[in-house]
């Protein structure tokens, strides 16, 4: 039975969810049950749904509706965290009418962001504004994307490459001096090319028959990677482990991405300090 105003979304896990388009709210009841229809009726009886004329008037309204949408809900936690940092920065603009947003207005936002946070954050602000306004085009919440024509700030030609690729001797030095649990993490990154989030969550069960089998969280693509000969010794080394993940902290428990980065950069600062 097809119900007008519902959106069907299939997650990467294969599970199907239903959302009410007007509110962006996910329905929690099992489809087709009396509870399901009662939940739809309750959503559509709220003032939020009835007040269609004033529902989307300001930038704050648009952000609120976007954050309740299926598209935002399925974003990775790291992406949501990055988006929220930009949304917090833009919070003073919540009361600004959507119609005030044009290229000139966004250009002023760009200048303000650059004065406070410099190039990378500024370009990310433009990207998030673009995502939100582009999302609003389909349901008719927005009429234009005000970032069109607003140029991102170019990287200076003489800027230092902060995230350049390590030289072989640098990788060898880190692997030689890092504690076993972090040396394993570095080796996995160097010899598999996995994204940080996938590497940190890599379960022991993914390693079998001389291969690493893992589904990427970002793309949903299944990867089958042969274990590099240089990686094998690190996988075989005995590490205190109280978790099902390959990468663990010093006490043997799984790490979050933030926890891994904290451990990793603390180690690098220690190596630099003792090398100088």
Foldseek 3Di string as FASTA:
>chain_A
DDDPQKDWDQALVRDIWIARNQQQATQDDDPPDPSRVVVVVVVCVDPQNVPVVVQQFFPLSLVVSVCSHPVNVLDDPVVNVLLVVLCVVCVVRRHPTLVVQAQVVLLVVLVVCCVPPNQPNSVVNLVSLQVSQVVCVVVVSHDDRRNVPPDGDDDDPPDDDPPDDDDPVVLVVCLVPPPLLVNLLSLCCVFPVADLQCQLQQFPVQDPPQWGWDQHSVPRRIDIGGGDPVNVVSQPDDAQAPDRHSRDDNNHHRDGSVRSVVVVVVSVVVVVVVVD
